[in-house]
Amino acid sequence: MDENGKNVPQEVKGWNWGAFMFNVMWGIGNKTYLPLLCLIPLFNIVWIFVVGFKGNEWAWQKNDYKDIETFKAVQATWNRAGLVNFIISILFVLIYIFFLSAIISGIISSMDNY
């Protein structure tokens, strides 16, 4: 997707946690609006991965960065925030599963007493 004829350097390509986790906000902040397709139900399950893989390329093409280091510095902030959000989300899911299984086992064991 070389939208505006800008070549994408190899150093820019790669996974972007910020684009993956904050897809809509990241897209608006980087002036690339394809991540807004994540608002479509069911399609978003696949599209968030596309945004994670292609996000850096889209951001490079849509913005006027002076050099690769500036671009990487901007995206490093998004990457850190996205990775932290991903880890916290996984922890919350694991805690939820733990408590749900404890509640279900408590209900089942209380039914055995009757």
N, C-alpha and C. Protein backbone atom coordinates (compact mmCIF):
# COMPACT_ATOMS: atom_id res chain seq x y z
N MET A 1 0.82 -1.18 0.00
CA MET A 1 0.00 0.00 0.00
C MET A 1 0.87 1.25 0.00
N ASP A 2 1.47 1.51 -1.09
CA ASP A 2 2.29 2.71 -1.22
C ASP A 2 1.37 3.83 -1.70
N GLU A 3 0.62 4.40 -0.77
CA GLU A 3 -0.47 5.31 -1.10
C GLU A 3 -0.02 6.59 -1.77
N ASN A 4 1.03 7.20 -1.27
CA ASN A 4 1.41 8.50 -1.80
C ASN A 4 2.79 8.49 -2.46
N GLY A 5 3.27 7.34 -2.82
CA GLY A 5 4.53 7.24 -3.52
C GLY A 5 5.76 7.33 -2.64
N LYS A 6 5.59 7.40 -1.34
CA LYS A 6 6.72 7.48 -0.42
C LYS A 6 7.29 6.09 -0.19
N ASN A 7 8.59 5.95 -0.38
CA ASN A 7 9.24 4.68 -0.09
C ASN A 7 9.33 4.48 1.41
N VAL A 8 9.08 3.26 1.84
CA VAL A 8 9.13 2.93 3.26
C VAL A 8 10.46 2.24 3.54
N PRO A 9 11.33 2.84 4.37
CA PRO A 9 12.61 2.20 4.69
C PRO A 9 12.40 0.89 5.44
N GLN A 10 13.31 -0.01 5.27
CA GLN A 10 13.23 -1.32 5.93
C GLN A 10 13.23 -1.18 7.45
N GLU A 11 13.93 -0.18 7.99
CA GLU A 11 14.01 0.01 9.44
C GLU A 11 12.67 0.37 10.05
N VAL A 12 11.78 0.92 9.26
CA VAL A 12 10.48 1.36 9.75
C VAL A 12 9.50 0.19 9.85
N LYS A 13 9.64 -0.77 8.97
CA LYS A 13 8.70 -1.89 8.93
C LYS A 13 8.80 -2.74 10.19
N GLY A 14 7.67 -3.28 10.59
CA GLY A 14 7.66 -4.15 11.75
C GLY A 14 6.39 -3.99 12.58
N TRP A 15 6.30 -4.78 13.62
CA TRP A 15 5.13 -4.81 14.49
C TRP A 15 5.07 -3.55 15.35
N ASN A 16 3.85 -3.05 15.55
CA ASN A 16 3.65 -1.86 16.37
C ASN A 16 2.56 -2.16 17.40
N TRP A 17 2.96 -2.29 18.68
CA TRP A 17 2.01 -2.59 19.75
C TRP A 17 1.00 -1.47 19.93
N GLY A 18 1.42 -0.24 19.74
CA GLY A 18 0.51 0.89 19.87
C GLY A 18 -0.59 0.84 18.83
N ALA A 19 -0.22 0.52 17.61
CA ALA A 19 -1.21 0.41 16.54
C ALA A 19 -2.14 -0.77 16.79
N PHE A 20 -1.63 -1.83 17.38
CA PHE A 20 -2.43 -3.03 17.65
C PHE A 20 -3.44 -2.78 18.77
N MET A 21 -2.99 -2.20 19.88
CA MET A 21 -3.85 -2.05 21.05
C MET A 21 -4.70 -0.77 21.01
N PHE A 22 -4.16 0.30 20.48
CA PHE A 22 -4.88 1.57 20.44
C PHE A 22 -5.22 1.95 19.01
N ASN A 23 -5.67 0.98 18.22
CA ASN A 23 -5.78 1.12 16.78
C ASN A 23 -6.49 2.40 16.32
N VAL A 24 -7.65 2.71 16.84
CA VAL A 24 -8.39 3.88 16.36
C VAL A 24 -7.69 5.17 16.80
N MET A 25 -7.32 5.26 18.08
CA MET A 25 -6.63 6.47 18.57
C MET A 25 -5.28 6.64 17.88
N TRP A 26 -4.56 5.53 17.70
CA TRP A 26 -3.26 5.57 17.04
C TRP A 26 -3.42 6.07 15.60
N GLY A 27 -4.44 5.56 14.91
CA GLY A 27 -4.66 5.96 13.53
C GLY A 27 -4.96 7.44 13.39
N ILE A 28 -5.81 7.96 14.27
CA ILE A 28 -6.12 9.39 14.22
C ILE A 28 -4.88 10.21 14.56
N GLY A 29 -4.13 9.78 15.57
CA GLY A 29 -2.93 10.50 15.98
C GLY A 29 -1.84 10.51 14.93
N ASN A 30 -1.82 9.49 14.08
CA ASN A 30 -0.79 9.39 13.04
C ASN A 30 -1.32 9.73 11.65
N LYS A 31 -2.50 10.31 11.59
CA LYS A 31 -3.11 10.76 10.34
C LYS A 31 -3.27 9.65 9.31
N THR A 32 -3.47 8.45 9.78
CA THR A 32 -3.75 7.32 8.89
C THR A 32 -5.08 6.74 9.34
N TYR A 33 -6.04 6.75 8.46
CA TYR A 33 -7.41 6.48 8.88
C TYR A 33 -7.90 5.07 8.56
N LEU A 34 -7.05 4.24 8.00
CA LEU A 34 -7.43 2.85 7.79
C LEU A 34 -7.73 2.11 9.10
N PRO A 35 -7.07 2.43 10.22
CA PRO A 35 -7.42 1.77 11.47
C PRO A 35 -8.86 2.03 11.93
N LEU A 36 -9.53 3.02 11.37
CA LEU A 36 -10.93 3.25 11.72
C LEU A 36 -11.81 2.07 11.29
N LEU A 37 -11.30 1.24 10.39
CA LEU A 37 -12.05 0.04 10.00
C LEU A 37 -12.17 -0.94 11.16
N CYS A 38 -11.40 -0.73 12.22
CA CYS A 38 -11.52 -1.57 13.42
C CYS A 38 -12.84 -1.36 14.12
N LEU A 39 -13.58 -0.35 13.75
CA LEU A 39 -14.89 -0.10 14.36
C LEU A 39 -15.98 -1.00 13.77
N ILE A 40 -15.66 -1.73 12.72
CA ILE A 40 -16.63 -2.65 12.11
C ILE A 40 -16.61 -3.96 12.89
N PRO A 41 -17.75 -4.36 13.47
CA PRO A 41 -17.79 -5.60 14.26
C PRO A 41 -17.39 -6.82 13.42
N LEU A 42 -16.74 -7.75 14.05
CA LEU A 42 -16.23 -9.01 13.51
C LEU A 42 -15.06 -8.80 12.55
N PHE A 43 -15.14 -7.83 11.66
CA PHE A 43 -14.02 -7.52 10.77
C PHE A 43 -12.82 -7.05 11.58
N ASN A 44 -13.10 -6.40 12.71
CA ASN A 44 -12.02 -5.85 13.53
C ASN A 44 -11.12 -6.92 14.11
N ILE A 45 -11.61 -8.13 14.28
CA ILE A 45 -10.78 -9.21 14.84
C ILE A 45 -9.57 -9.46 13.95
N VAL A 46 -9.76 -9.41 12.66
CA VAL A 46 -8.66 -9.59 11.72
C VAL A 46 -7.90 -8.29 11.51
N TRP A 47 -8.64 -7.18 11.42
CA TRP A 47 -8.04 -5.90 11.05
C TRP A 47 -7.06 -5.38 12.09
N ILE A 48 -7.27 -5.68 13.39
CA ILE A 48 -6.32 -5.20 14.40
C ILE A 48 -4.93 -5.78 14.17
N PHE A 49 -4.87 -7.02 13.66
CA PHE A 49 -3.58 -7.63 13.37
C PHE A 49 -2.94 -6.98 12.13
N VAL A 50 -3.76 -6.65 11.14
CA VAL A 50 -3.25 -5.95 9.96
C VAL A 50 -2.69 -4.59 10.37
N VAL A 51 -3.41 -3.89 11.24
CA VAL A 51 -2.95 -2.58 11.71
C VAL A 51 -1.64 -2.74 12.48
N GLY A 52 -1.53 -3.77 13.30
CA GLY A 52 -0.29 -4.01 14.04
C GLY A 52 0.89 -4.24 13.13
N PHE A 53 0.68 -4.99 12.04
CA PHE A 53 1.77 -5.29 11.11
C PHE A 53 2.08 -4.14 10.16
N LYS A 54 1.07 -3.46 9.66
CA LYS A 54 1.27 -2.43 8.63
C LYS A 54 1.27 -1.01 9.17
N GLY A 55 0.99 -0.83 10.45
CA GLY A 55 0.84 0.50 11.01
C GLY A 55 2.03 1.40 10.84
N ASN A 56 3.22 0.89 11.08
CA ASN A 56 4.42 1.72 10.93
C ASN A 56 4.57 2.23 9.50
N GLU A 57 4.29 1.38 8.54
CA GLU A 57 4.41 1.79 7.14
C GLU A 57 3.40 2.89 6.81
N TRP A 58 2.17 2.73 7.27
CA TRP A 58 1.14 3.74 7.02
C TRP A 58 1.52 5.06 7.67
N ALA A 59 2.01 4.99 8.91
CA ALA A 59 2.38 6.22 9.62
C ALA A 59 3.55 6.93 8.92
N TRP A 60 4.51 6.17 8.43
CA TRP A 60 5.65 6.76 7.72
C TRP A 60 5.17 7.47 6.45
N GLN A 61 4.25 6.85 5.73
CA GLN A 61 3.77 7.42 4.47
C GLN A 61 2.92 8.66 4.68
N LYS A 62 2.16 8.70 5.74
CA LYS A 62 1.21 9.79 5.95
C LYS A 62 1.82 11.01 6.65
N ASN A 63 2.94 10.86 7.31
CA ASN A 63 3.54 11.96 8.06
C ASN A 63 4.85 12.40 7.41
N ASP A 64 5.29 13.58 7.77
CA ASP A 64 6.53 14.13 7.24
C ASP A 64 7.61 14.10 8.31
N TYR A 65 8.18 12.94 8.51
CA TYR A 65 9.26 12.80 9.48
C TYR A 65 10.58 13.16 8.80
N LYS A 66 11.45 13.84 9.55
CA LYS A 66 12.73 14.27 9.00
C LYS A 66 13.70 13.12 8.83
N ASP A 67 13.65 12.18 9.79
CA ASP A 67 14.54 11.03 9.71
C ASP A 67 13.92 9.84 10.43
N ILE A 68 14.57 8.70 10.28
CA ILE A 68 14.06 7.46 10.86
C ILE A 68 14.10 7.50 12.38
N GLU A 69 15.12 8.15 12.94
CA GLU A 69 15.25 8.21 14.41
C GLU A 69 14.08 8.96 15.04
N THR A 70 13.65 10.04 14.42
CA THR A 70 12.50 10.79 14.93
C THR A 70 11.25 9.93 14.87
N PHE A 71 11.06 9.26 13.76
CA PHE A 71 9.91 8.37 13.62
C PHE A 71 9.92 7.28 14.68
N LYS A 72 11.08 6.65 14.86
CA LYS A 72 11.18 5.58 15.84
C LYS A 72 10.94 6.09 17.26
N ALA A 73 11.39 7.31 17.55
CA ALA A 73 11.17 7.88 18.89
C ALA A 73 9.68 8.11 19.14
N VAL A 74 8.98 8.60 18.14
CA VAL A 74 7.53 8.82 18.29
C VAL A 74 6.82 7.48 18.46
N GLN A 75 7.16 6.51 17.64
CA GLN A 75 6.48 5.22 17.70
C GLN A 75 6.90 4.41 18.92
N ALA A 76 8.07 4.67 19.48
CA ALA A 76 8.50 3.96 20.69
C ALA A 76 7.55 4.26 21.85
N THR A 77 7.07 5.48 21.93
CA THR A 77 6.10 5.84 22.97
C THR A 77 4.82 5.04 22.79
N TRP A 78 4.33 4.98 21.55
CA TRP A 78 3.13 4.19 21.27
C TRP A 78 3.37 2.71 21.56
N ASN A 79 4.56 2.21 21.19
CA ASN A 79 4.87 0.80 21.42
C ASN A 79 4.87 0.46 22.90
N ARG A 80 5.50 1.30 23.72
CA ARG A 80 5.53 1.05 25.17
C ARG A 80 4.13 1.04 25.75
N ALA A 81 3.34 2.05 25.40
CA ALA A 81 1.97 2.13 25.92
C ALA A 81 1.14 0.94 25.47
N GLY A 82 1.29 0.54 24.22
CA GLY A 82 0.54 -0.60 23.71
C GLY A 82 0.94 -1.90 24.36
N LEU A 83 2.24 -2.10 24.58
CA LEU A 83 2.70 -3.33 25.22
C LEU A 83 2.25 -3.39 26.67
N VAL A 84 2.33 -2.28 27.39
CA VAL A 84 1.86 -2.25 28.77
C VAL A 84 0.36 -2.54 28.82
N ASN A 85 -0.40 -1.94 27.92
CA ASN A 85 -1.84 -2.19 27.86
C ASN A 85 -2.13 -3.66 27.56
N PHE A 86 -1.36 -4.26 26.66
CA PHE A 86 -1.54 -5.66 26.32
C PHE A 86 -1.29 -6.56 27.53
N ILE A 87 -0.20 -6.31 28.25
CA ILE A 87 0.14 -7.11 29.43
C ILE A 87 -0.93 -6.96 30.51
N ILE A 88 -1.37 -5.74 30.76
CA ILE A 88 -2.41 -5.51 31.76
C ILE A 88 -3.71 -6.19 31.35
N SER A 89 -4.05 -6.15 30.08
CA SER A 89 -5.27 -6.81 29.59
C SER A 89 -5.20 -8.31 29.80
N ILE A 90 -4.05 -8.91 29.50
CA ILE A 90 -3.88 -10.35 29.71
C ILE A 90 -4.00 -10.69 31.19
N LEU A 91 -3.40 -9.88 32.06
CA LEU A 91 -3.50 -10.12 33.50
C LEU A 91 -4.95 -10.05 33.97
N PHE A 92 -5.70 -9.07 33.51
CA PHE A 92 -7.11 -8.96 33.88
C PHE A 92 -7.91 -10.16 33.40
N VAL A 93 -7.64 -10.63 32.21
CA VAL A 93 -8.34 -11.82 31.70
C VAL A 93 -8.02 -13.03 32.56
N LEU A 94 -6.76 -13.21 32.93
CA LEU A 94 -6.38 -14.34 33.77
C LEU A 94 -7.02 -14.26 35.15
N ILE A 95 -7.06 -13.06 35.74
CA ILE A 95 -7.71 -12.88 37.04
C ILE A 95 -9.20 -13.17 36.92
N TYR A 96 -9.82 -12.71 35.86
CA TYR A 96 -11.24 -12.97 35.62
C TYR A 96 -11.52 -14.47 35.52
N ILE A 97 -10.70 -15.18 34.76
CA ILE A 97 -10.87 -16.63 34.62
C ILE A 97 -10.69 -17.32 35.96
N PHE A 98 -9.70 -16.88 36.74
CA PHE A 98 -9.46 -17.47 38.06
C PHE A 98 -10.68 -17.29 38.97
N PHE A 99 -11.20 -16.07 39.06
CA PHE A 99 -12.35 -15.82 39.92
C PHE A 99 -13.60 -16.52 39.41
N LEU A 100 -13.80 -16.55 38.12
CA LEU A 100 -14.95 -17.24 37.55
C LEU A 100 -14.90 -18.73 37.84
N SER A 101 -13.73 -19.33 37.70
CA SER A 101 -13.61 -20.77 38.00
C SER A 101 -13.79 -21.02 39.50
N ALA A 102 -13.34 -20.10 40.36
CA ALA A 102 -13.55 -20.26 41.81
C ALA A 102 -15.03 -20.17 42.15
N ILE A 103 -15.74 -19.25 41.53
CA ILE A 103 -17.18 -19.12 41.77
C ILE A 103 -17.93 -20.35 41.29
N ILE A 104 -17.60 -20.83 40.11
CA ILE A 104 -18.27 -22.01 39.57
C ILE A 104 -17.99 -23.23 40.43
N SER A 105 -16.74 -23.42 40.84
CA SER A 105 -16.44 -24.58 41.70
C SER A 105 -17.13 -24.45 43.05
N GLY A 106 -17.27 -23.23 43.58
CA GLY A 106 -18.00 -23.03 44.83
C GLY A 106 -19.47 -23.37 44.68
N ILE A 107 -20.06 -22.99 43.57
CA ILE A 107 -21.47 -23.31 43.33
C ILE A 107 -21.66 -24.81 43.19
N ILE A 108 -20.77 -25.45 42.46
CA ILE A 108 -20.87 -26.90 42.27
C ILE A 108 -20.68 -27.64 43.58
N SER A 109 -19.72 -27.21 44.39
CA SER A 109 -19.49 -27.90 45.67
C SER A 109 -20.64 -27.65 46.64
N SER A 110 -21.29 -26.50 46.58
CA SER A 110 -22.43 -26.26 47.46
C SER A 110 -23.65 -27.06 47.01
N MET A 111 -23.74 -27.38 45.74
CA MET A 111 -24.85 -28.20 45.24
C MET A 111 -24.68 -29.65 45.68
N ASP A 112 -23.45 -30.08 45.90
CA ASP A 112 -23.20 -31.45 46.34
C ASP A 112 -23.68 -31.66 47.77
N ASN A 113 -23.78 -30.61 48.56
CA ASN A 113 -24.20 -30.72 49.95
C ASN A 113 -25.70 -30.93 50.08
N TYR A 114 -26.47 -30.71 49.06
CA TYR A 114 -27.93 -30.87 49.14
C TYR A 114 -28.35 -32.24 48.77
